[in-house]
């Protein structure tokens, strides 16, 4: 379980409210269209009083808001989880193979000629001193 920060909570609530508003607008649009068609073609629906037709719009609004906000929040969580997985994979890759800076430093170290180490200079015989008897 991860720690949820306040800005994450606010971003999730904003996404859910935006999705809910869009869902409510969609459902109410369909309900208005269906109500208009039913009012024009079906006498029993035409006989229903306007307040009861208003309650049908409220039901469509609430259903659309609930469905839209749930869908938007689920998609928000899915995007957040994908980001977490991507960052975890990147950290694991950097632990195994190193970061880009480490790779550049290693490439630069390989391209520059190195000085002989003290162990290499000890294995080379020293030149003999010139003799003074001549």
N, C-alpha and C. Protein backbone atom coordinates (compact mmCIF):
# COMPACT_ATOMS: atom_id res chain seq x y z
N UNK A 1 0.84 -1.17 0.00
CA UNK A 1 0.00 0.00 0.00
C UNK A 1 0.89 1.23 0.00
N UNK A 2 0.52 2.21 -0.80
CA UNK A 2 1.36 3.39 -0.90
C UNK A 2 0.73 4.56 -0.17
N UNK A 3 1.56 5.52 0.15
CA UNK A 3 1.10 6.71 0.85
C UNK A 3 0.48 7.66 -0.17
N UNK A 4 -0.73 8.09 0.08
CA UNK A 4 -1.41 9.01 -0.83
C UNK A 4 -1.20 10.42 -0.31
N UNK A 5 -0.66 11.27 -1.16
CA UNK A 5 -0.42 12.65 -0.78
C UNK A 5 -1.68 13.48 -1.05
N UNK A 6 -1.74 14.66 -0.47
CA UNK A 6 -2.92 15.50 -0.61
C UNK A 6 -3.13 15.91 -2.07
N UNK A 7 -2.05 16.22 -2.79
CA UNK A 7 -2.23 16.63 -4.19
C UNK A 7 -2.69 15.45 -5.05
N UNK A 8 -2.29 14.22 -4.72
CA UNK A 8 -2.81 13.05 -5.43
C UNK A 8 -4.31 12.89 -5.18
N UNK A 9 -4.71 13.11 -3.94
CA UNK A 9 -6.11 13.01 -3.57
C UNK A 9 -6.93 14.08 -4.31
N UNK A 10 -6.42 15.28 -4.38
CA UNK A 10 -7.12 16.36 -5.08
C UNK A 10 -7.21 16.09 -6.57
N UNK A 11 -6.13 15.58 -7.15
CA UNK A 11 -6.15 15.27 -8.59
C UNK A 11 -7.14 14.15 -8.90
N UNK A 12 -7.21 13.16 -8.02
CA UNK A 12 -8.17 12.06 -8.23
C UNK A 12 -9.60 12.56 -8.10
N UNK A 13 -9.87 13.42 -7.13
CA UNK A 13 -11.22 13.97 -6.96
C UNK A 13 -11.59 14.85 -8.15
N UNK A 14 -10.64 15.62 -8.66
CA UNK A 14 -10.92 16.46 -9.82
C UNK A 14 -11.24 15.61 -11.05
N UNK A 15 -10.49 14.55 -11.25
CA UNK A 15 -10.76 13.67 -12.40
C UNK A 15 -12.13 13.01 -12.26
N UNK A 16 -12.48 12.58 -11.04
CA UNK A 16 -13.77 11.93 -10.83
C UNK A 16 -14.92 12.91 -11.04
N UNK A 17 -14.78 14.14 -10.57
CA UNK A 17 -15.86 15.12 -10.74
C UNK A 17 -16.02 15.52 -12.20
N UNK A 18 -14.91 15.67 -12.91
CA UNK A 18 -15.00 16.01 -14.33
C UNK A 18 -15.67 14.87 -15.10
N UNK A 19 -15.28 13.63 -14.80
CA UNK A 19 -15.91 12.48 -15.45
C UNK A 19 -17.38 12.36 -15.11
N UNK A 20 -17.73 12.67 -13.85
CA UNK A 20 -19.13 12.63 -13.44
C UNK A 20 -19.97 13.66 -14.16
N UNK A 21 -19.43 14.87 -14.32
CA UNK A 21 -20.17 15.91 -15.03
C UNK A 21 -20.38 15.55 -16.49
N UNK A 22 -19.36 14.99 -17.11
CA UNK A 22 -19.49 14.58 -18.52
C UNK A 22 -20.49 13.44 -18.64
N UNK A 23 -20.44 12.47 -17.73
CA UNK A 23 -21.38 11.36 -17.76
C UNK A 23 -22.82 11.82 -17.55
N UNK A 24 -23.01 12.76 -16.60
CA UNK A 24 -24.35 13.28 -16.35
C UNK A 24 -24.89 14.02 -17.57
N UNK A 25 -24.03 14.79 -18.22
CA UNK A 25 -24.44 15.51 -19.43
C UNK A 25 -24.84 14.53 -20.53
N UNK A 26 -24.07 13.48 -20.70
CA UNK A 26 -24.41 12.48 -21.73
C UNK A 26 -25.74 11.80 -21.44
N UNK A 27 -25.90 11.34 -20.20
CA UNK A 27 -27.14 10.62 -19.84
C UNK A 27 -28.35 11.53 -19.93
N UNK A 28 -28.21 12.80 -19.49
CA UNK A 28 -29.34 13.73 -19.56
C UNK A 28 -29.70 14.06 -21.01
N UNK A 29 -28.71 14.15 -21.87
CA UNK A 29 -28.99 14.40 -23.28
C UNK A 29 -29.79 13.25 -23.89
N UNK A 30 -29.38 12.04 -23.60
CA UNK A 30 -30.10 10.87 -24.10
C UNK A 30 -31.51 10.81 -23.50
N UNK A 31 -31.63 11.14 -22.20
CA UNK A 31 -32.95 11.10 -21.56
C UNK A 31 -33.88 12.16 -22.14
N UNK A 32 -33.34 13.35 -22.44
CA UNK A 32 -34.17 14.39 -23.06
C UNK A 32 -34.64 13.96 -24.45
N UNK A 33 -33.74 13.39 -25.22
CA UNK A 33 -34.11 12.93 -26.56
C UNK A 33 -35.16 11.83 -26.48
N UNK A 34 -34.93 10.84 -25.61
CA UNK A 34 -35.89 9.74 -25.46
C UNK A 34 -37.23 10.25 -24.93
N UNK A 35 -37.18 11.21 -23.98
CA UNK A 35 -38.42 11.79 -23.47
C UNK A 35 -39.20 12.54 -24.54
N UNK A 36 -38.49 13.27 -25.39
CA UNK A 36 -39.15 13.97 -26.49
C UNK A 36 -39.81 13.01 -27.47
N UNK A 37 -39.08 11.94 -27.80
CA UNK A 37 -39.64 10.94 -28.72
C UNK A 37 -40.85 10.25 -28.08
N UNK A 38 -40.72 9.85 -26.82
CA UNK A 38 -41.84 9.19 -26.14
C UNK A 38 -43.03 10.13 -25.97
N UNK A 39 -42.78 11.40 -25.69
CA UNK A 39 -43.87 12.36 -25.53
C UNK A 39 -44.61 12.56 -26.84
N UNK A 40 -43.88 12.48 -27.96
CA UNK A 40 -44.53 12.68 -29.25
C UNK A 40 -45.24 11.43 -29.74
N UNK A 41 -44.81 10.26 -29.32
CA UNK A 41 -45.36 9.03 -29.92
C UNK A 41 -46.20 8.18 -28.97
N UNK A 42 -46.06 8.34 -27.65
CA UNK A 42 -46.74 7.42 -26.74
C UNK A 42 -47.69 8.20 -25.83
N UNK A 43 -48.98 7.97 -25.98
CA UNK A 43 -49.94 8.76 -25.18
C UNK A 43 -49.83 8.51 -23.68
N UNK A 44 -49.48 7.32 -23.26
CA UNK A 44 -49.36 7.05 -21.82
C UNK A 44 -48.21 7.86 -21.21
N UNK A 45 -47.13 8.04 -21.93
CA UNK A 45 -46.02 8.86 -21.42
C UNK A 45 -46.43 10.33 -21.41
N UNK A 46 -47.21 10.75 -22.41
CA UNK A 46 -47.68 12.13 -22.47
C UNK A 46 -48.59 12.43 -21.28
N UNK A 47 -49.29 11.43 -20.75
CA UNK A 47 -50.21 11.62 -19.63
C UNK A 47 -49.48 11.78 -18.29
N UNK A 48 -48.21 11.41 -18.24
CA UNK A 48 -47.44 11.57 -17.00
C UNK A 48 -47.23 13.06 -16.75
N UNK A 49 -47.41 13.49 -15.49
CA UNK A 49 -47.27 14.91 -15.14
C UNK A 49 -45.80 15.34 -15.24
N UNK A 50 -45.55 16.62 -15.51
CA UNK A 50 -44.18 17.13 -15.64
C UNK A 50 -43.28 16.89 -14.42
N UNK A 51 -43.76 16.98 -13.17
CA UNK A 51 -42.84 16.70 -12.06
C UNK A 51 -42.30 15.27 -12.08
N UNK A 52 -43.14 14.32 -12.48
CA UNK A 52 -42.67 12.93 -12.56
C UNK A 52 -41.67 12.78 -13.71
N UNK A 53 -41.88 13.49 -14.79
CA UNK A 53 -40.90 13.48 -15.89
C UNK A 53 -39.58 14.11 -15.43
N UNK A 54 -39.69 15.12 -14.56
CA UNK A 54 -38.48 15.74 -13.99
C UNK A 54 -37.70 14.75 -13.13
N UNK A 55 -38.42 13.91 -12.38
CA UNK A 55 -37.74 12.90 -11.57
C UNK A 55 -37.03 11.88 -12.46
N UNK A 56 -37.59 11.59 -13.63
CA UNK A 56 -36.89 10.71 -14.57
C UNK A 56 -35.57 11.35 -15.02
N UNK A 57 -35.59 12.69 -15.19
CA UNK A 57 -34.34 13.39 -15.56
C UNK A 57 -33.33 13.35 -14.40
N UNK A 58 -33.83 13.48 -13.17
CA UNK A 58 -32.95 13.41 -12.00
C UNK A 58 -32.32 12.02 -11.92
N UNK A 59 -33.11 10.99 -12.18
CA UNK A 59 -32.57 9.63 -12.15
C UNK A 59 -31.51 9.45 -13.24
N UNK A 60 -31.75 10.00 -14.43
CA UNK A 60 -30.76 9.91 -15.50
C UNK A 60 -29.49 10.68 -15.11
N UNK A 61 -29.66 11.85 -14.49
CA UNK A 61 -28.51 12.65 -14.06
C UNK A 61 -27.67 11.88 -13.04
N UNK A 62 -28.33 11.31 -12.03
CA UNK A 62 -27.59 10.59 -10.99
C UNK A 62 -26.90 9.35 -11.54
N UNK A 63 -27.59 8.62 -12.39
CA UNK A 63 -26.97 7.43 -13.01
C UNK A 63 -25.78 7.81 -13.87
N UNK A 64 -25.91 8.86 -14.66
CA UNK A 64 -24.80 9.30 -15.51
C UNK A 64 -23.63 9.82 -14.71
N UNK A 65 -23.94 10.56 -13.63
CA UNK A 65 -22.86 11.08 -12.80
C UNK A 65 -22.10 9.95 -12.11
N UNK A 66 -22.83 8.99 -11.59
CA UNK A 66 -22.17 7.86 -10.92
C UNK A 66 -21.33 7.03 -11.87
N UNK A 67 -21.88 6.75 -13.04
CA UNK A 67 -21.15 5.94 -14.02
C UNK A 67 -19.93 6.69 -14.55
N UNK A 68 -20.10 7.97 -14.88
CA UNK A 68 -18.98 8.76 -15.41
C UNK A 68 -17.86 8.96 -14.42
N UNK A 69 -18.23 9.25 -13.16
CA UNK A 69 -17.18 9.48 -12.16
C UNK A 69 -16.43 8.19 -11.83
N UNK A 70 -17.14 7.07 -11.79
CA UNK A 70 -16.48 5.80 -11.51
C UNK A 70 -15.52 5.42 -12.64
N UNK A 71 -15.95 5.62 -13.87
CA UNK A 71 -15.09 5.32 -15.02
C UNK A 71 -13.86 6.21 -15.03
N UNK A 72 -14.05 7.50 -14.80
CA UNK A 72 -12.92 8.44 -14.81
C UNK A 72 -11.95 8.13 -13.68
N UNK A 73 -12.46 7.80 -12.49
CA UNK A 73 -11.58 7.50 -11.36
C UNK A 73 -10.81 6.20 -11.60
N UNK A 74 -11.47 5.20 -12.17
CA UNK A 74 -10.78 3.95 -12.48
C UNK A 74 -9.66 4.19 -13.49
N UNK A 75 -9.93 4.99 -14.51
CA UNK A 75 -8.89 5.30 -15.50
C UNK A 75 -7.75 6.10 -14.86
N UNK A 76 -8.07 6.99 -13.92
CA UNK A 76 -7.03 7.75 -13.22
C UNK A 76 -6.13 6.81 -12.42
N UNK A 77 -6.73 5.87 -11.70
CA UNK A 77 -5.94 4.91 -10.93
C UNK A 77 -5.09 4.04 -11.84
N UNK A 78 -5.63 3.66 -12.99
CA UNK A 78 -4.89 2.82 -13.92
C UNK A 78 -3.67 3.56 -14.47
N UNK A 79 -3.84 4.85 -14.82
CA UNK A 79 -2.70 5.63 -15.30
C UNK A 79 -1.66 5.79 -14.20
N UNK A 80 -2.10 6.03 -12.97
CA UNK A 80 -1.17 6.19 -11.85
C UNK A 80 -0.40 4.89 -11.60
N UNK A 81 -1.07 3.76 -11.69
CA UNK A 81 -0.41 2.47 -11.48
C UNK A 81 0.59 2.19 -12.59
N UNK A 82 0.25 2.53 -13.83
CA UNK A 82 1.20 2.35 -14.93
C UNK A 82 2.45 3.19 -14.72
N UNK A 83 2.27 4.41 -14.21
CA UNK A 83 3.43 5.27 -13.93
C UNK A 83 4.30 4.66 -12.84
N UNK A 84 3.68 4.12 -11.80
CA UNK A 84 4.45 3.48 -10.73
C UNK A 84 5.25 2.29 -11.26
N UNK A 85 4.64 1.48 -12.10
CA UNK A 85 5.33 0.31 -12.66
C UNK A 85 6.48 0.75 -13.55
N UNK A 86 6.25 1.79 -14.37
CA UNK A 86 7.30 2.28 -15.25
C UNK A 86 8.49 2.81 -14.46
N UNK A 87 8.24 3.55 -13.37
CA UNK A 87 9.33 4.08 -12.55
C UNK A 87 10.08 2.96 -11.83
N UNK A 88 9.36 1.95 -11.36
CA UNK A 88 10.01 0.82 -10.69
C UNK A 88 10.90 0.05 -11.67
N UNK A 89 10.42 -0.15 -12.90
CA UNK A 89 11.24 -0.82 -13.91
C UNK A 89 12.47 0.00 -14.26
N UNK A 90 12.32 1.32 -14.33
CA UNK A 90 13.46 2.17 -14.63
C UNK A 90 14.50 2.11 -13.52
N UNK A 91 14.06 2.15 -12.25
CA UNK A 91 14.99 2.04 -11.13
C UNK A 91 15.73 0.71 -11.14
N UNK A 92 15.00 -0.37 -11.43
CA UNK A 92 15.62 -1.70 -11.48
C UNK A 92 16.64 -1.76 -12.61
N UNK A 93 16.30 -1.19 -13.77
CA UNK A 93 17.21 -1.16 -14.91
C UNK A 93 18.47 -0.37 -14.57
N UNK A 94 18.32 0.76 -13.86
CA UNK A 94 19.48 1.57 -13.49
C UNK A 94 20.36 0.86 -12.47
N UNK A 95 19.75 0.07 -11.59
CA UNK A 95 20.56 -0.70 -10.64
C UNK A 95 21.38 -1.77 -11.35
N UNK A 96 20.80 -2.39 -12.35
CA UNK A 96 21.50 -3.47 -13.05
C UNK A 96 22.52 -2.92 -14.03
N UNK A 97 22.11 -1.96 -14.86
CA UNK A 97 22.96 -1.49 -15.96
C UNK A 97 23.59 -0.13 -15.72
N UNK A 98 23.19 0.59 -14.68
CA UNK A 98 23.76 1.90 -14.40
C UNK A 98 22.95 3.00 -15.07
N UNK A 99 23.17 4.22 -14.59
CA UNK A 99 22.46 5.37 -15.16
C UNK A 99 23.18 5.84 -16.42
N UNK A 100 22.58 6.78 -17.12
CA UNK A 100 23.19 7.32 -18.34
C UNK A 100 24.50 8.03 -18.02
N UNK A 101 24.58 8.73 -16.87
CA UNK A 101 25.82 9.42 -16.50
C UNK A 101 26.94 8.42 -16.22
N UNK A 102 26.60 7.32 -15.57
CA UNK A 102 27.61 6.30 -15.30
C UNK A 102 28.11 5.67 -16.59
N UNK A 103 27.21 5.46 -17.55
CA UNK A 103 27.63 4.89 -18.83
C UNK A 103 28.55 5.85 -19.58
N UNK A 104 28.24 7.16 -19.55
CA UNK A 104 29.10 8.15 -20.21
C UNK A 104 30.47 8.22 -19.54
N UNK A 105 30.51 8.16 -18.22
CA UNK A 105 31.78 8.20 -17.51
C UNK A 105 32.62 6.96 -17.83
N UNK A 106 31.98 5.82 -17.93
CA UNK A 106 32.71 4.59 -18.26
C UNK A 106 33.24 4.65 -19.68
N UNK A 107 32.44 5.18 -20.60
CA UNK A 107 32.90 5.30 -21.99
C UNK A 107 34.06 6.28 -22.10
N UNK A 108 34.00 7.37 -21.35
CA UNK A 108 35.09 8.35 -21.37
C UNK A 108 36.36 7.75 -20.76
N UNK A 109 36.22 6.95 -19.71
CA UNK A 109 37.39 6.32 -19.09
C UNK A 109 38.02 5.31 -20.03
N UNK A 110 37.23 4.63 -20.82
CA UNK A 110 37.79 3.65 -21.77
C UNK A 110 38.46 4.32 -22.95
N UNK A 111 38.02 5.49 -23.34
CA UNK A 111 38.58 6.14 -24.53
C UNK A 111 39.87 6.89 -24.25
N UNK A 112 40.15 7.26 -23.00
CA UNK A 112 41.39 7.97 -22.69
C UNK A 112 42.49 6.97 -22.33
N UNK A 113 43.73 7.21 -22.83
CA UNK A 113 44.81 6.29 -22.46
C UNK A 113 45.17 6.48 -20.99
N UNK A 114 45.48 5.39 -20.36
CA UNK A 114 45.76 5.46 -18.93
C UNK A 114 47.27 5.38 -18.69
N UNK A 115 47.71 5.93 -17.57
CA UNK A 115 49.10 5.87 -17.15
C UNK A 115 49.40 4.46 -16.64
N UNK A 116 50.64 4.00 -16.77
CA UNK A 116 50.93 2.67 -16.23
C UNK A 116 50.80 2.68 -14.71
N UNK A 117 50.27 1.62 -14.22
CA UNK A 117 50.09 1.51 -12.77
C UNK A 117 51.43 1.17 -12.12
N UNK A 118 51.58 1.37 -10.83
CA UNK A 118 52.86 1.06 -10.17
C UNK A 118 53.24 -0.41 -10.32
N UNK A 119 52.30 -1.31 -10.38
CA UNK A 119 52.66 -2.72 -10.53
C UNK A 119 53.21 -2.99 -11.93
N UNK A 120 52.70 -2.25 -12.95
CA UNK A 120 53.24 -2.44 -14.30
C UNK A 120 54.66 -1.87 -14.41
N UNK A 121 54.94 -0.74 -13.76
CA UNK A 121 56.27 -0.14 -13.85
C UNK A 121 57.29 -0.96 -13.05
N UNK A 122 56.89 -1.71 -12.05
CA UNK A 122 57.80 -2.53 -11.28
C UNK A 122 58.23 -3.76 -12.06
N UNK A 123 57.41 -4.22 -12.98
CA UNK A 123 57.78 -5.42 -13.74
C UNK A 123 58.76 -5.11 -14.89
N UNK A 124 58.88 -3.84 -15.26
CA UNK A 124 59.82 -3.47 -16.31
C UNK A 124 61.20 -3.29 -15.68
N UNK A 125 62.24 -3.94 -16.21
CA UNK A 125 63.57 -3.78 -15.58
C UNK A 125 64.09 -2.37 -15.73
N UNK A 126 64.77 -1.90 -14.74
CA UNK A 126 65.34 -0.56 -14.75
C UNK A 126 66.59 -0.58 -15.61
N UNK A 127 66.90 0.54 -16.30
CA UNK A 127 68.12 0.58 -17.10
C UNK A 127 69.38 0.53 -16.21
N UNK A 128 70.40 -0.12 -16.74
CA UNK A 128 71.63 -0.27 -15.96
C UNK A 128 72.36 1.07 -15.90
N UNK A 129 72.98 1.39 -14.75
CA UNK A 129 73.70 2.66 -14.66
C UNK A 129 74.98 2.62 -15.52
N UNK A 130 75.33 3.75 -16.01
CA UNK A 130 76.55 3.81 -16.84
C UNK A 130 77.78 3.58 -15.98
N UNK A 131 78.74 2.83 -16.53
CA UNK A 131 79.91 2.53 -15.72
C UNK A 131 80.90 3.69 -15.75
N UNK A 132 81.62 3.91 -14.71
CA UNK A 132 82.56 5.02 -14.58
C UNK A 132 83.98 4.60 -14.94
N UNK A 133 84.23 3.36 -15.30
CA UNK A 133 85.60 2.89 -15.57
C UNK A 133 86.07 3.17 -16.98
N UNK A 134 85.37 3.69 -17.80
CA UNK A 134 85.83 3.90 -19.17
C UNK A 134 86.52 5.15 -19.41
